[in-house]
């Protein structure tokens, strides 16, 4: 009984880690690229970024993606129950497919709204297409790919999982490297002194 519970936990952690690394790593690469635009384009919209700055959020998720990838790679070696593994990835496939459909719905809604508002000065087409539609589309593609891989594992193609895990870990690592580079560029760029001043002001206002 203890062994079964242990396998349930290991398989669950592996599936969650794989999905988290794939999604955050895949989207994180585009988020890192968007950091080079210095605010002209962004992937992560409002929400969690209201708690911390946009770059900090992207940086945190990039680190999280790598940790998830390492955890997925570690736990895959501990799995001995193929049936539990297939069930876990079936669940992951369903969840990521639902997320993909939701992101597609968001992208379509934004596209329709933007097309309706063509010519209106009260609507920023650039904001809608670049900072709303494109991030939703990217998220839909990434979650859709994760859903496809998960579905294959659930159908018994377990042999692809080690390779898929290595690829996901590689993607997560690339996203973190790009995030480090883009963050350094933003910090030490021409506007670094202005950003530092803004940071000190924010800390001062928060403290008092």
C-alpha atoms as a PDB file:
ATOM      1  CA  UNK A   1       0.000   0.000   0.000  1.00  0.00           C
ATOM      2  CA  UNK A   2       2.805   2.346   0.898  1.00  0.00           C
ATOM      3  CA  UNK A   3       4.519   1.620  -2.408  1.00  0.00           C
ATOM      4  CA  UNK A   4       1.333   2.380  -4.343  1.00  0.00           C
ATOM      5  CA  UNK A   5       0.869   5.692  -2.532  1.00  0.00           C
ATOM      6  CA  UNK A   6       4.493   6.531  -3.202  1.00  0.00           C
ATOM      7  CA  UNK A   7       4.066   5.832  -6.904  1.00  0.00           C
ATOM      8  CA  UNK A   8       0.886   7.937  -7.002  1.00  0.00           C
ATOM      9  CA  UNK A   9       2.782  10.861  -5.538  1.00  0.00           C
ATOM     10  CA  UNK A  10       5.798  10.456  -7.797  1.00  0.00           C
ATOM     11  CA  UNK A  11       3.672  10.183 -10.939  1.00  0.00           C
ATOM     12  CA  UNK A  12       1.557  13.196  -9.951  1.00  0.00           C
ATOM     13  CA  UNK A  13       4.643  15.303  -9.269  1.00  0.00           C
ATOM     14  CA  UNK A  14       6.176  14.213 -12.566  1.00  0.00           C
ATOM     15  CA  UNK A  15       3.086  15.132 -14.597  1.00  0.00           C
ATOM     16  CA  UNK A  16       2.685  18.499 -12.866  1.00  0.00           C
ATOM     17  CA  UNK A  17       6.387  19.275 -13.234  1.00  0.00           C
ATOM     18  CA  UNK A  18       6.426  18.318 -16.913  1.00  0.00           C
ATOM     19  CA  UNK A  19       3.383  20.447 -17.666  1.00  0.00           C
ATOM     20  CA  UNK A  20       4.650  23.408 -15.655  1.00  0.00           C
ATOM     21  CA  UNK A  21       8.122  23.312 -17.216  1.00  0.00           C
ATOM     22  CA  UNK A  22       6.706  22.997 -20.737  1.00  0.00           C
ATOM     23  CA  UNK A  23       4.163  25.791 -20.388  1.00  0.00           C
ATOM     24  CA  UNK A  24       6.231  28.294 -18.397  1.00  0.00           C
ATOM     25  CA  UNK A  25       9.357  27.477 -20.386  1.00  0.00           C
ATOM     26  CA  UNK A  26       7.667  27.758 -23.768  1.00  0.00           C
ATOM     27  CA  UNK A  27       5.860  30.990 -22.992  1.00  0.00           C
ATOM     28  CA  UNK A  28       8.913  32.200 -21.048  1.00  0.00           C
ATOM     29  CA  UNK A  29      11.042  32.290 -24.186  1.00  0.00           C
ATOM     30  CA  UNK A  30       8.625  34.782 -25.765  1.00  0.00           C
ATOM     31  CA  UNK A  31       8.366  36.679 -22.477  1.00  0.00           C
ATOM     32  CA  UNK A  32      12.155  37.040 -22.422  1.00  0.00           C
ATOM     33  CA  UNK A  33      12.148  38.256 -26.010  1.00  0.00           C
ATOM     34  CA  UNK A  34       9.432  40.770 -25.135  1.00  0.00           C
ATOM     35  CA  UNK A  35      11.677  42.176 -22.405  1.00  0.00           C
ATOM     36  CA  UNK A  36      14.067  43.382 -25.098  1.00  0.00           C
ATOM     37  CA  UNK A  37      11.296  45.648 -26.418  1.00  0.00           C
ATOM     38  CA  UNK A  38      11.313  47.582 -23.110  1.00  0.00           C
ATOM     39  CA  UNK A  39       7.548  47.706 -22.773  1.00  0.00           C
ATOM     40  CA  UNK A  40       6.569  47.957 -26.437  1.00  0.00           C
ATOM     41  CA  UNK A  41       5.388  44.354 -26.312  1.00  0.00           C
ATOM     42  CA  UNK A  42       4.683  42.072 -23.384  1.00  0.00           C
ATOM     43  CA  UNK A  43       3.478  38.515 -22.890  1.00  0.00           C
ATOM     44  CA  UNK A  44       2.249  38.425 -19.324  1.00  0.00           C
ATOM     45  CA  UNK A  45      -0.587  40.892 -18.895  1.00  0.00           C
ATOM     46  CA  UNK A  46      -2.131  42.294 -15.765  1.00  0.00           C
ATOM     47  CA  UNK A  47      -2.880  39.903 -12.921  1.00  0.00           C
ATOM     48  CA  UNK A  48       0.069  38.409 -11.107  1.00  0.00           C
ATOM     49  CA  UNK A  49       2.152  41.340 -12.326  1.00  0.00           C
ATOM     50  CA  UNK A  50       0.165  43.634 -10.047  1.00  0.00           C
ATOM     51  CA  UNK A  51       2.006  41.976  -7.165  1.00  0.00           C
ATOM     52  CA  UNK A  52       5.503  42.444  -8.596  1.00  0.00           C
ATOM     53  CA  UNK A  53       7.002  44.099 -11.659  1.00  0.00           C
ATOM     54  CA  UNK A  54       6.670  42.587 -15.133  1.00  0.00           C
ATOM     55  CA  UNK A  55      10.311  41.601 -15.423  1.00  0.00           C
ATOM     56  CA  UNK A  56      10.305  40.077 -11.946  1.00  0.00           C
ATOM     57  CA  UNK A  57       7.236  38.006 -12.805  1.00  0.00           C
ATOM     58  CA  UNK A  58       8.779  36.705 -16.022  1.00  0.00           C
ATOM     59  CA  UNK A  59      12.045  36.002 -14.239  1.00  0.00           C
ATOM     60  CA  UNK A  60      10.289  34.086 -11.467  1.00  0.00           C
ATOM     61  CA  UNK A  61       8.339  31.946 -13.935  1.00  0.00           C
ATOM     62  CA  UNK A  62      11.501  31.212 -15.940  1.00  0.00           C
ATOM     63  CA  UNK A  63      13.254  29.989 -12.794  1.00  0.00           C
ATOM     64  CA  UNK A  64      10.142  28.004 -11.871  1.00  0.00           C
ATOM     65  CA  UNK A  65      10.126  26.379 -15.319  1.00  0.00           C
ATOM     66  CA  UNK A  66      13.721  25.168 -14.873  1.00  0.00           C
ATOM     67  CA  UNK A  67      12.961  23.811 -11.399  1.00  0.00           C
ATOM     68  CA  UNK A  68       9.906  22.010 -12.772  1.00  0.00           C
ATOM     69  CA  UNK A  69      12.030  20.586 -15.584  1.00  0.00           C
ATOM     70  CA  UNK A  70      14.669  19.282 -13.185  1.00  0.00           C
ATOM     71  CA  UNK A  71      11.969  17.777 -10.977  1.00  0.00           C
ATOM     72  CA  UNK A  72      10.331  16.084 -13.954  1.00  0.00           C
ATOM     73  CA  UNK A  73      13.673  14.644 -15.071  1.00  0.00           C
ATOM     74  CA  UNK A  74      14.399  13.369 -11.566  1.00  0.00           C
ATOM     75  CA  UNK A  75      11.000  11.799 -10.900  1.00  0.00           C
ATOM     76  CA  UNK A  76      10.764  10.038 -14.269  1.00  0.00           C
ATOM     77  CA  UNK A  77      13.559   7.736 -13.126  1.00  0.00           C
ATOM     78  CA  UNK A  78      11.520   6.746 -10.070  1.00  0.00           C
ATOM     79  CA  UNK A  79       8.365   5.689 -11.926  1.00  0.00           C
ATOM     80  CA  UNK A  80       7.670   1.968 -12.133  1.00  0.00           C
ATOM     81  CA  UNK A  81       3.889   1.925 -12.655  1.00  0.00           C
ATOM     82  CA  UNK A  82       3.035   2.547 -16.314  1.00  0.00           C
ATOM     83  CA  UNK A  83      -0.718   2.524 -15.724  1.00  0.00           C
ATOM     84  CA  UNK A  84      -0.526   5.307 -13.149  1.00  0.00           C
ATOM     85  CA  UNK A  85       1.721   7.279 -15.474  1.00  0.00           C
ATOM     86  CA  UNK A  86      -0.744   7.005 -18.353  1.00  0.00           C
ATOM     87  CA  UNK A  87      -3.642   8.069 -16.110  1.00  0.00           C
ATOM     88  CA  UNK A  88      -1.710  11.077 -14.815  1.00  0.00           C
ATOM     89  CA  UNK A  89      -0.815  12.244 -18.312  1.00  0.00           C
ATOM     90  CA  UNK A  90      -4.381  11.677 -19.460  1.00  0.00           C
ATOM     91  CA  UNK A  91      -5.432  14.158 -16.785  1.00  0.00           C
ATOM     92  CA  UNK A  92      -2.663  16.547 -17.840  1.00  0.00           C
ATOM     93  CA  UNK A  93      -3.806  16.237 -21.461  1.00  0.00           C
ATOM     94  CA  UNK A  94      -7.371  17.150 -20.543  1.00  0.00           C
ATOM     95  CA  UNK A  95      -6.315  20.137 -18.421  1.00  0.00           C
ATOM     96  CA  UNK A  96      -3.919  21.549 -21.015  1.00  0.00           C
ATOM     97  CA  UNK A  97      -6.444  20.985 -23.809  1.00  0.00           C
ATOM     98  CA  UNK A  98      -9.032  22.978 -21.858  1.00  0.00           C
ATOM     99  CA  UNK A  99      -6.473  25.735 -21.317  1.00  0.00           C
ATOM    100  CA  UNK A 100      -5.633  25.725 -25.020  1.00  0.00           C
ATOM    101  CA  UNK A 101      -9.299  26.029 -25.981  1.00  0.00           C
ATOM    102  CA  UNK A 102      -9.749  28.886 -23.514  1.00  0.00           C
ATOM    103  CA  UNK A 103      -6.721  30.717 -24.923  1.00  0.00           C
ATOM    104  CA  UNK A 104      -8.039  30.212 -28.458  1.00  0.00           C
ATOM    105  CA  UNK A 105     -11.392  31.645 -27.345  1.00  0.00           C
ATOM    106  CA  UNK A 106      -9.608  34.643 -25.844  1.00  0.00           C
ATOM    107  CA  UNK A 107      -7.590  35.184 -29.029  1.00  0.00           C
ATOM    108  CA  UNK A 108     -10.681  34.952 -31.235  1.00  0.00           C
ATOM    109  CA  UNK A 109     -12.625  37.313 -28.982  1.00  0.00           C
ATOM    110  CA  UNK A 110      -9.825  39.878 -29.124  1.00  0.00           C
ATOM    111  CA  UNK A 111      -9.538  39.522 -32.909  1.00  0.00           C
ATOM    112  CA  UNK A 112     -13.275  40.013 -33.440  1.00  0.00           C
ATOM    113  CA  UNK A 113     -13.348  42.987 -31.071  1.00  0.00           C
ATOM    114  CA  UNK A 114     -10.337  44.550 -32.806  1.00  0.00           C
ATOM    115  CA  UNK A 115     -11.887  44.096 -36.257  1.00  0.00           C
ATOM    116  CA  UNK A 116     -15.149  45.648 -35.085  1.00  0.00           C
ATOM    117  CA  UNK A 117     -13.225  48.618 -33.735  1.00  0.00           C
ATOM    118  CA  UNK A 118     -11.188  49.293 -36.866  1.00  0.00           C
ATOM    119  CA  UNK A 119     -11.221  53.033 -37.505  1.00  0.00           C
ATOM    120  CA  UNK A 120     -12.199  53.956 -33.959  1.00  0.00           C
ATOM    121  CA  UNK A 121      -9.799  56.326 -32.215  1.00  0.00           C
ATOM    122  CA  UNK A 122     -10.865  55.043 -28.811  1.00  0.00           C
ATOM    123  CA  UNK A 123      -9.387  51.595 -29.511  1.00  0.00           C
ATOM    124  CA  UNK A 124      -5.654  50.920 -29.773  1.00  0.00           C
ATOM    125  CA  UNK A 125      -5.244  48.294 -32.484  1.00  0.00           C
ATOM    126  CA  UNK A 126      -1.557  47.869 -31.618  1.00  0.00           C
ATOM    127  CA  UNK A 127      -2.382  47.153 -27.981  1.00  0.00           C
ATOM    128  CA  UNK A 128      -5.067  44.645 -28.895  1.00  0.00           C
ATOM    129  CA  UNK A 129      -3.125  42.705 -31.521  1.00  0.00           C
ATOM    130  CA  UNK A 130       0.401  42.887 -30.104  1.00  0.00           C
ATOM    131  CA  UNK A 131      -0.177  42.752 -26.352  1.00  0.00           C
ATOM    132  CA  UNK A 132      -3.445  40.813 -26.145  1.00  0.00           C
ATOM    133  CA  UNK A 133      -4.078  38.663 -29.228  1.00  0.00           C
ATOM    134  CA  UNK A 134      -0.481  37.509 -29.792  1.00  0.00           C
ATOM    135  CA  UNK A 135       0.174  36.438 -26.158  1.00  0.00           C
ATOM    136  CA  UNK A 136      -3.115  34.518 -26.104  1.00  0.00           C
ATOM    137  CA  UNK A 137      -2.212  32.820 -29.390  1.00  0.00           C
ATOM    138  CA  UNK A 138       1.248  31.870 -28.115  1.00  0.00           C
ATOM    139  CA  UNK A 139      -0.248  30.476 -24.905  1.00  0.00           C
ATOM    140  CA  UNK A 140      -2.771  28.476 -26.955  1.00  0.00           C
ATOM    141  CA  UNK A 141      -0.040  26.948 -29.130  1.00  0.00           C
ATOM    142  CA  UNK A 142       2.200  26.064 -26.170  1.00  0.00           C
ATOM    143  CA  UNK A 143      -0.590  24.472 -24.126  1.00  0.00           C
ATOM    144  CA  UNK A 144      -1.833  22.698 -27.257  1.00  0.00           C
ATOM    145  CA  UNK A 145       1.595  21.125 -27.834  1.00  0.00           C
ATOM    146  CA  UNK A 146       1.731  20.000 -24.199  1.00  0.00           C
ATOM    147  CA  UNK A 147      -1.742  18.479 -24.593  1.00  0.00           C
ATOM    148  CA  UNK A 148      -0.639  16.524 -27.692  1.00  0.00           C
ATOM    149  CA  UNK A 149       2.490  15.141 -26.010  1.00  0.00           C
ATOM    150  CA  UNK A 150       0.542  14.254 -22.868  1.00  0.00           C
ATOM    151  CA  UNK A 151      -2.109  12.481 -24.944  1.00  0.00           C
ATOM    152  CA  UNK A 152       0.541  10.366 -26.667  1.00  0.00           C
ATOM    153  CA  UNK A 153       1.989   9.331 -23.305  1.00  0.00           C
ATOM    154  CA  UNK A 154      -1.524   8.534 -22.056  1.00  0.00           C
ATOM    155  CA  UNK A 155      -2.069   6.286 -25.089  1.00  0.00           C
ATOM    156  CA  UNK A 156       0.988   4.226 -24.228  1.00  0.00           C
ATOM    157  CA  UNK A 157       3.840   5.981 -26.028  1.00  0.00           C
ATOM    158  CA  UNK A 158       5.759   6.205 -22.762  1.00  0.00           C
ATOM    159  CA  UNK A 159       9.105   5.850 -24.526  1.00  0.00           C
ATOM    160  CA  UNK A 160       8.846   9.435 -25.807  1.00  0.00           C
ATOM    161  CA  UNK A 161       8.635  10.876 -22.291  1.00  0.00           C
ATOM    162  CA  UNK A 162      12.378  10.897 -21.440  1.00  0.00           C
ATOM    163  CA  UNK A 163      13.185  12.702 -24.702  1.00  0.00           C
ATOM    164  CA  UNK A 164      10.233  15.074 -24.264  1.00  0.00           C
ATOM    165  CA  UNK A 165      11.391  15.814 -20.721  1.00  0.00           C
ATOM    166  CA  UNK A 166      14.899  16.644 -21.923  1.00  0.00           C
ATOM    167  CA  UNK A 167      13.483  18.929 -24.622  1.00  0.00           C
ATOM    168  CA  UNK A 168      11.219  20.655 -22.094  1.00  0.00           C
ATOM    169  CA  UNK A 169      14.145  21.127 -19.706  1.00  0.00           C
ATOM    170  CA  UNK A 170      16.168  22.575 -22.575  1.00  0.00           C
ATOM    171  CA  UNK A 171      13.378  24.993 -23.491  1.00  0.00           C
ATOM    172  CA  UNK A 172      13.047  26.062 -19.856  1.00  0.00           C
ATOM    173  CA  UNK A 173      16.815  26.590 -19.630  1.00  0.00           C
ATOM    174  CA  UNK A 174      16.827  28.702 -22.792  1.00  0.00           C
ATOM    175  CA  UNK A 175      13.967  30.809 -21.426  1.00  0.00           C
ATOM    176  CA  UNK A 176      15.921  31.422 -18.204  1.00  0.00           C
ATOM    177  CA  UNK A 177      19.115  32.328 -20.075  1.00  0.00           C
ATOM    178  CA  UNK A 178      17.214  34.742 -22.312  1.00  0.00           C
ATOM    179  CA  UNK A 179      15.495  36.182 -19.258  1.00  0.00           C
ATOM    180  CA  UNK A 180      18.831  36.780 -17.527  1.00  0.00           C
ATOM    181  CA  UNK A 181      20.231  38.475 -20.640  1.00  0.00           C
ATOM    182  CA  UNK A 182      17.135  40.611 -21.244  1.00  0.00           C
ATOM    183  CA  UNK A 183      16.980  41.599 -17.567  1.00  0.00           C
ATOM    184  CA  UNK A 184      20.648  42.610 -17.642  1.00  0.00           C
ATOM    185  CA  UNK A 185      20.033  44.664 -20.780  1.00  0.00           C
ATOM    186  CA  UNK A 186      17.107  46.416 -19.117  1.00  0.00           C
ATOM    187  CA  UNK A 187      18.981  47.073 -15.887  1.00  0.00           C
ATOM    188  CA  UNK A 188      22.237  48.266 -17.436  1.00  0.00           C
ATOM    189  CA  UNK A 189      20.741  50.005 -20.450  1.00  0.00           C
ATOM    190  CA  UNK A 190      20.588  53.715 -21.090  1.00  0.00           C
ATOM    191  CA  UNK A 191      17.616  54.128 -18.787  1.00  0.00           C
ATOM    192  CA  UNK A 192      19.212  52.211 -15.899  1.00  0.00           C
ATOM    193  CA  UNK A 193      19.664  55.330 -13.797  1.00  0.00           C
ATOM    194  CA  UNK A 194      16.033  56.300 -14.289  1.00  0.00           C
ATOM    195  CA  UNK A 195      14.886  52.782 -13.370  1.00  0.00           C
ATOM    196  CA  UNK A 196      17.046  52.823 -10.264  1.00  0.00           C
ATOM    197  CA  UNK A 197      15.538  56.144  -9.246  1.00  0.00           C
ATOM    198  CA  UNK A 198      12.035  54.782  -9.794  1.00  0.00           C
ATOM    199  CA  UNK A 199      12.902  51.718  -7.738  1.00  0.00           C
ATOM    200  CA  UNK A 200      14.137  53.831  -4.834  1.00  0.00           C
ATOM    201  CA  UNK A 201      10.971  55.926  -5.038  1.00  0.00           C
ATOM    202  CA  UNK A 202       8.801  52.806  -4.973  1.00  0.00           C
ATOM    203  CA  UNK A 203      10.668  51.420  -1.971  1.00  0.00           C
ATOM    204  CA  UNK A 204      10.422  54.773  -0.182  1.00  0.00           C
ATOM    205  CA  UNK A 205       6.680  55.090  -0.869  1.00  0.00           C
ATOM    206  CA  UNK A 206       6.045  51.512   0.195  1.00  0.00           C
ATOM    207  CA  UNK A 207       8.016  51.894   3.413  1.00  0.00           C
ATOM    208  CA  UNK A 208       6.296  55.123   4.473  1.00  0.00           C
END
